[in-house]
Amino acid sequence: DVGIGIVGKEGNQASLAADFSITQFSYLTRLLLWHGRNSYRRSARLAQFVIHRGFIISVIQAVFSAIFYFSTIAIYTGWLMVGYTTLYTMAPVFSLVLDEDVPVRLVFVYPELYRELQKGRGLSMKTFFYWIFKSIWQGGIIMVLGMVLFEDSFINIVGITFTALVLAELLNVCFEIHKWHWMMVAAQLLALGLYLASMFLLRSYFDITFITSTTFWWKTVVITAVSCLPIYI
């Protein structure tokens, strides 16, 4: 529960002890219908996206281990894991807090939109298992298709699947956005630029000759498309 205090003639005790303080009772409508609704939706989606971002790595690792006779070798190590959790996906994912699914004027015209919060539809078992299914589907497709399409390039399986993973995560963010903000665009371009630059810097993970070939890119795009598009169509 959240406490809302209103500054009145009787004093400021209530407003000082509350979580939120307003100076007029009429401001309560905007606080609940607009700011409250956005806060709930953004927090719910961000929490589930963070779970997905970590679980998809676990799925890829599980499939990789199963294919290679349950080997205990980690498919992604070192700077790849550091980059995945920070430089490559953090800014795009957290930029979702700027998203708005409806214009501010509509929440006052249709207060029924607030009912979604009361019923907890944005953060429920249904949405949780949807994100779990998405992680299993995308992680499985990335690993299996990576093995199938690049059967002659097993030595580069890390670079192949990791590139598809980063692209898939950036696409997931794009599909979740209702209204684009310039900071969202900047976050996407920055993350993509940092990843492309790191591919040439992290020589121990990426073969420069291989990743600059046309074959690598069109097959990686196919893997990314198959892992993402069926979920959103």
Protein backbone atom coordinates (compact mmCIF):
# COMPACT_ATOMS: atom_id res chain seq x y z
CA ASP A 1 0.00 0.00 0.00
CA VAL A 2 1.02 3.61 -0.60
CA GLY A 3 0.22 6.51 1.69
CA ILE A 4 -0.81 9.82 0.12
CA GLY A 5 -0.83 12.95 2.25
CA ILE A 6 -2.62 16.20 1.39
CA VAL A 7 -1.26 19.49 2.66
CA GLY A 8 -4.09 21.27 4.43
CA LYS A 9 -4.90 24.05 6.86
CA GLU A 10 -4.70 21.65 9.80
CA GLY A 11 -0.97 21.20 9.22
CA ASN A 12 1.65 19.17 7.40
CA GLN A 13 1.77 16.11 9.65
CA ALA A 14 -0.10 13.87 7.22
CA SER A 15 1.90 14.94 4.18
CA LEU A 16 5.22 14.58 5.98
CA ALA A 17 4.42 11.03 7.09
CA ALA A 18 3.09 9.94 3.68
CA ASP A 19 4.88 8.28 0.77
CA PHE A 20 3.57 10.95 -1.60
CA SER A 21 2.47 14.46 -0.78
CA ILE A 22 0.11 16.63 -2.84
CA THR A 23 -1.15 20.14 -2.25
CA GLN A 24 -4.65 19.72 -3.71
CA PHE A 25 -7.11 16.85 -3.63
CA SER A 26 -7.71 17.27 -7.38
CA TYR A 27 -4.13 16.17 -8.04
CA LEU A 28 -5.02 12.70 -6.76
CA THR A 29 -6.64 11.79 -10.07
CA ARG A 30 -3.49 12.41 -12.09
CA LEU A 31 -1.30 10.76 -9.44
CA LEU A 32 -3.30 7.53 -9.55
CA LEU A 33 -4.58 7.27 -13.11
CA TRP A 34 -1.44 8.49 -14.86
CA HIS A 35 1.66 8.25 -12.68
CA GLY A 36 0.44 5.30 -10.65
CA ARG A 37 -0.63 3.30 -13.68
CA ASN A 38 2.61 4.01 -15.54
CA SER A 39 4.69 3.11 -12.49
CA TYR A 40 2.94 -0.24 -12.12
CA ARG A 41 3.16 -1.17 -15.80
CA ARG A 42 6.80 -0.12 -16.14
CA SER A 43 7.91 -1.86 -12.96
CA ALA A 44 6.07 -5.07 -13.90
CA ARG A 45 7.49 -5.21 -17.40
CA LEU A 46 11.02 -4.30 -16.31
CA ALA A 47 11.02 -6.98 -13.61
CA GLN A 48 9.89 -9.68 -16.02
CA PHE A 49 12.32 -8.52 -18.72
CA VAL A 50 15.22 -8.78 -16.29
CA ILE A 51 14.13 -12.34 -15.42
CA HIS A 52 13.94 -13.17 -19.13
CA ARG A 53 17.35 -11.66 -19.79
CA GLY A 54 18.97 -13.96 -17.27
CA PHE A 55 16.91 -17.08 -17.95
CA ILE A 56 17.57 -17.11 -21.69
CA ILE A 57 21.30 -17.43 -20.94
CA SER A 58 20.52 -20.46 -18.75
CA VAL A 59 18.49 -22.05 -21.55
CA ILE A 60 21.29 -21.57 -24.08
CA GLN A 61 23.77 -23.08 -21.63
CA ALA A 62 21.47 -26.04 -20.95
CA VAL A 63 20.97 -26.77 -24.65
CA PHE A 64 24.69 -26.37 -25.32
CA SER A 65 25.56 -28.80 -22.53
CA ALA A 66 22.97 -31.32 -23.71
CA ILE A 67 24.27 -31.24 -27.30
CA PHE A 68 27.87 -31.70 -26.19
CA TYR A 69 27.21 -34.72 -23.96
CA PHE A 70 26.34 -32.67 -20.87
CA SER A 71 29.68 -30.97 -20.75
CA THR A 72 30.24 -28.64 -17.79
CA ILE A 73 32.02 -26.06 -19.95
CA ALA A 74 30.39 -22.59 -19.90
CA ILE A 75 29.53 -21.34 -23.38
CA TYR A 76 29.89 -17.65 -22.45
CA THR A 77 32.62 -16.49 -20.11
CA GLY A 78 34.60 -13.43 -19.11
CA TRP A 79 33.95 -10.21 -20.96
CA LEU A 80 31.00 -11.63 -22.88
CA MET A 81 28.97 -12.09 -19.69
CA VAL A 82 30.08 -8.72 -18.35
CA GLY A 83 29.14 -7.02 -21.61
CA TYR A 84 25.80 -8.82 -21.88
CA THR A 85 24.63 -7.71 -18.47
CA THR A 86 25.90 -4.15 -18.81
CA LEU A 87 26.97 -2.58 -22.11
CA TYR A 88 24.91 -4.58 -24.59
CA THR A 89 21.47 -4.84 -22.96
CA MET A 90 21.22 -2.73 -19.81
CA ALA A 91 20.47 0.68 -21.38
CA PRO A 92 17.85 -0.61 -23.88
CA VAL A 93 16.07 -2.67 -21.22
CA PHE A 94 15.98 0.11 -18.64
CA SER A 95 14.85 2.61 -21.28
CA LEU A 96 11.48 0.83 -21.12
CA VAL A 97 10.68 2.93 -18.05
CA LEU A 98 10.11 5.83 -20.47
CA ASP A 99 7.41 3.97 -22.41
CA GLU A 100 3.78 5.16 -22.47
CA ASP A 101 1.09 2.82 -23.82
CA VAL A 102 -1.67 5.47 -23.98
CA PRO A 103 -1.68 9.31 -24.15
CA VAL A 104 -2.20 11.10 -20.85
CA ARG A 105 -5.57 12.51 -21.95
CA LEU A 106 -7.05 9.05 -22.46
CA VAL A 107 -6.52 7.88 -18.89
CA PHE A 108 -8.88 10.65 -17.72
CA VAL A 109 -11.44 9.92 -20.43
CA TYR A 110 -11.34 6.15 -19.79
CA PRO A 111 -10.63 5.56 -16.07
CA GLU A 112 -11.46 1.88 -16.71
CA LEU A 113 -7.81 1.55 -17.76
CA TYR A 114 -6.92 1.68 -14.07
CA ARG A 115 -8.79 -1.59 -13.54
CA GLU A 116 -5.80 -3.40 -15.04
CA LEU A 117 -3.81 -2.44 -11.94
CA GLN A 118 -6.52 -3.57 -9.54
CA LYS A 119 -6.67 -7.02 -11.15
CA GLY A 120 -2.89 -7.36 -11.39
CA ARG A 121 -2.90 -8.26 -15.06
CA GLY A 122 0.50 -6.72 -15.74
CA LEU A 123 2.30 -8.94 -13.24
CA SER A 124 0.64 -12.33 -12.84
CA MET A 125 1.36 -16.03 -13.22
CA LYS A 126 0.14 -15.79 -16.82
CA THR A 127 2.60 -13.05 -17.76
CA PHE A 128 5.37 -14.76 -15.78
CA PHE A 129 5.00 -18.03 -17.68
CA TYR A 130 4.73 -16.10 -20.95
CA TRP A 131 8.19 -14.64 -20.36
CA ILE A 132 9.51 -18.06 -19.29
CA PHE A 133 8.16 -19.59 -22.51
CA LYS A 134 9.73 -16.76 -24.51
CA SER A 135 13.11 -17.43 -22.88
CA ILE A 136 12.91 -21.17 -23.56
CA TRP A 137 11.83 -20.64 -27.17
CA GLN A 138 14.41 -18.01 -28.01
CA GLY A 139 17.27 -19.67 -26.16
CA GLY A 140 16.52 -23.04 -27.74
CA ILE A 141 16.14 -21.64 -31.25
CA ILE A 142 19.34 -19.59 -31.04
CA MET A 143 21.40 -22.58 -29.93
CA VAL A 144 19.85 -25.24 -32.19
CA LEU A 145 19.73 -23.09 -35.34
CA GLY A 146 23.24 -21.89 -34.60
CA MET A 147 24.38 -25.51 -34.71
CA VAL A 148 22.35 -26.35 -37.84
CA LEU A 149 23.15 -23.33 -40.01
CA PHE A 150 26.82 -23.19 -39.04
CA GLU A 151 27.57 -26.90 -38.97
CA ASP A 152 30.90 -26.26 -40.66
CA SER A 153 31.88 -23.53 -38.19
CA PHE A 154 31.52 -25.13 -34.75
CA ILE A 155 34.68 -23.38 -33.62
CA ASN A 156 32.81 -20.07 -33.92
CA ILE A 157 29.63 -21.21 -32.15
CA VAL A 158 30.20 -18.75 -29.29
CA GLY A 159 30.38 -15.71 -31.58
CA ILE A 160 27.43 -16.95 -33.66
CA THR A 161 25.00 -17.59 -30.83
CA PHE A 162 26.07 -14.61 -28.76
CA THR A 163 25.52 -12.21 -31.67
CA ALA A 164 22.07 -13.68 -32.27
CA LEU A 165 21.34 -13.39 -28.55
CA VAL A 166 22.25 -9.70 -28.36
CA LEU A 167 20.27 -8.89 -31.51
CA ALA A 168 17.28 -10.85 -30.18
CA GLU A 169 17.32 -8.93 -26.90
CA LEU A 170 17.45 -5.59 -28.71
CA LEU A 171 14.53 -6.70 -30.90
CA ASN A 172 12.58 -7.80 -27.82
CA VAL A 173 12.92 -4.29 -26.43
CA CYS A 174 11.75 -2.79 -29.73
CA PHE A 175 8.65 -4.98 -29.82
CA GLU A 176 7.74 -4.04 -26.24
CA ILE A 177 7.77 -0.28 -26.91
CA HIS A 178 4.45 1.48 -27.52
CA LYS A 179 5.70 5.04 -27.91
CA TRP A 180 9.30 5.75 -28.88
CA HIS A 181 11.34 8.27 -26.96
CA TRP A 182 14.60 9.72 -28.25
CA MET A 183 16.45 8.21 -25.31
CA MET A 184 15.16 4.76 -26.30
CA VAL A 185 16.57 5.21 -29.78
CA ALA A 186 19.87 6.43 -28.35
CA ALA A 187 20.04 3.43 -25.99
CA GLN A 188 19.44 1.00 -28.85
CA LEU A 189 22.04 2.59 -31.13
CA LEU A 190 24.58 2.90 -28.31
CA ALA A 191 24.22 -0.75 -27.29
CA LEU A 192 24.43 -1.97 -30.88
CA GLY A 193 27.44 0.25 -31.60
CA LEU A 194 29.25 -0.94 -28.48
CA TYR A 195 28.66 -4.55 -29.38
CA LEU A 196 29.85 -4.17 -32.96
CA ALA A 197 32.97 -2.38 -31.72
CA SER A 198 33.68 -5.04 -29.11
CA MET A 199 33.51 -7.76 -31.76
CA PHE A 200 36.70 -6.33 -33.23
CA LEU A 201 38.32 -5.76 -29.85
CA LEU A 202 37.65 -9.13 -28.22
CA ARG A 203 39.76 -11.19 -30.60
CA SER A 204 39.75 -14.21 -28.28
CA TYR A 205 35.99 -14.59 -28.76
CA PHE A 206 35.49 -13.49 -32.37
CA ASP A 207 37.25 -14.46 -35.58
CA ILE A 208 37.51 -11.20 -37.55
CA THR A 209 37.59 -12.93 -40.92
CA PHE A 210 34.51 -14.97 -40.06
CA ILE A 211 32.36 -12.19 -38.58
CA THR A 212 33.01 -9.88 -41.54
CA SER A 213 31.72 -12.45 -44.01
CA THR A 214 28.29 -12.16 -45.64
CA THR A 215 27.45 -15.73 -44.67
CA PHE A 216 27.87 -15.00 -40.98
CA TRP A 217 25.54 -12.02 -41.03
CA TRP A 218 22.68 -13.38 -43.14
CA LYS A 219 22.57 -16.61 -41.15
CA THR A 220 22.73 -14.70 -37.86
CA VAL A 221 19.84 -12.49 -39.01
CA VAL A 222 17.82 -15.62 -39.89
CA ILE A 223 18.44 -17.09 -36.44
CA THR A 224 17.43 -13.83 -34.76
CA ALA A 225 14.26 -13.52 -36.88
CA VAL A 226 13.14 -17.09 -36.22
CA SER A 227 13.70 -16.67 -32.48
CA CYS A 228 11.73 -13.40 -32.27
CA LEU A 229 9.12 -12.99 -34.98
CA PRO A 230 6.87 -16.05 -34.24
CA ILE A 231 6.30 -14.77 -30.71
CA TYR A 232 5.09 -11.34 -31.80
CA ILE A 233 3.17 -12.20 -34.96
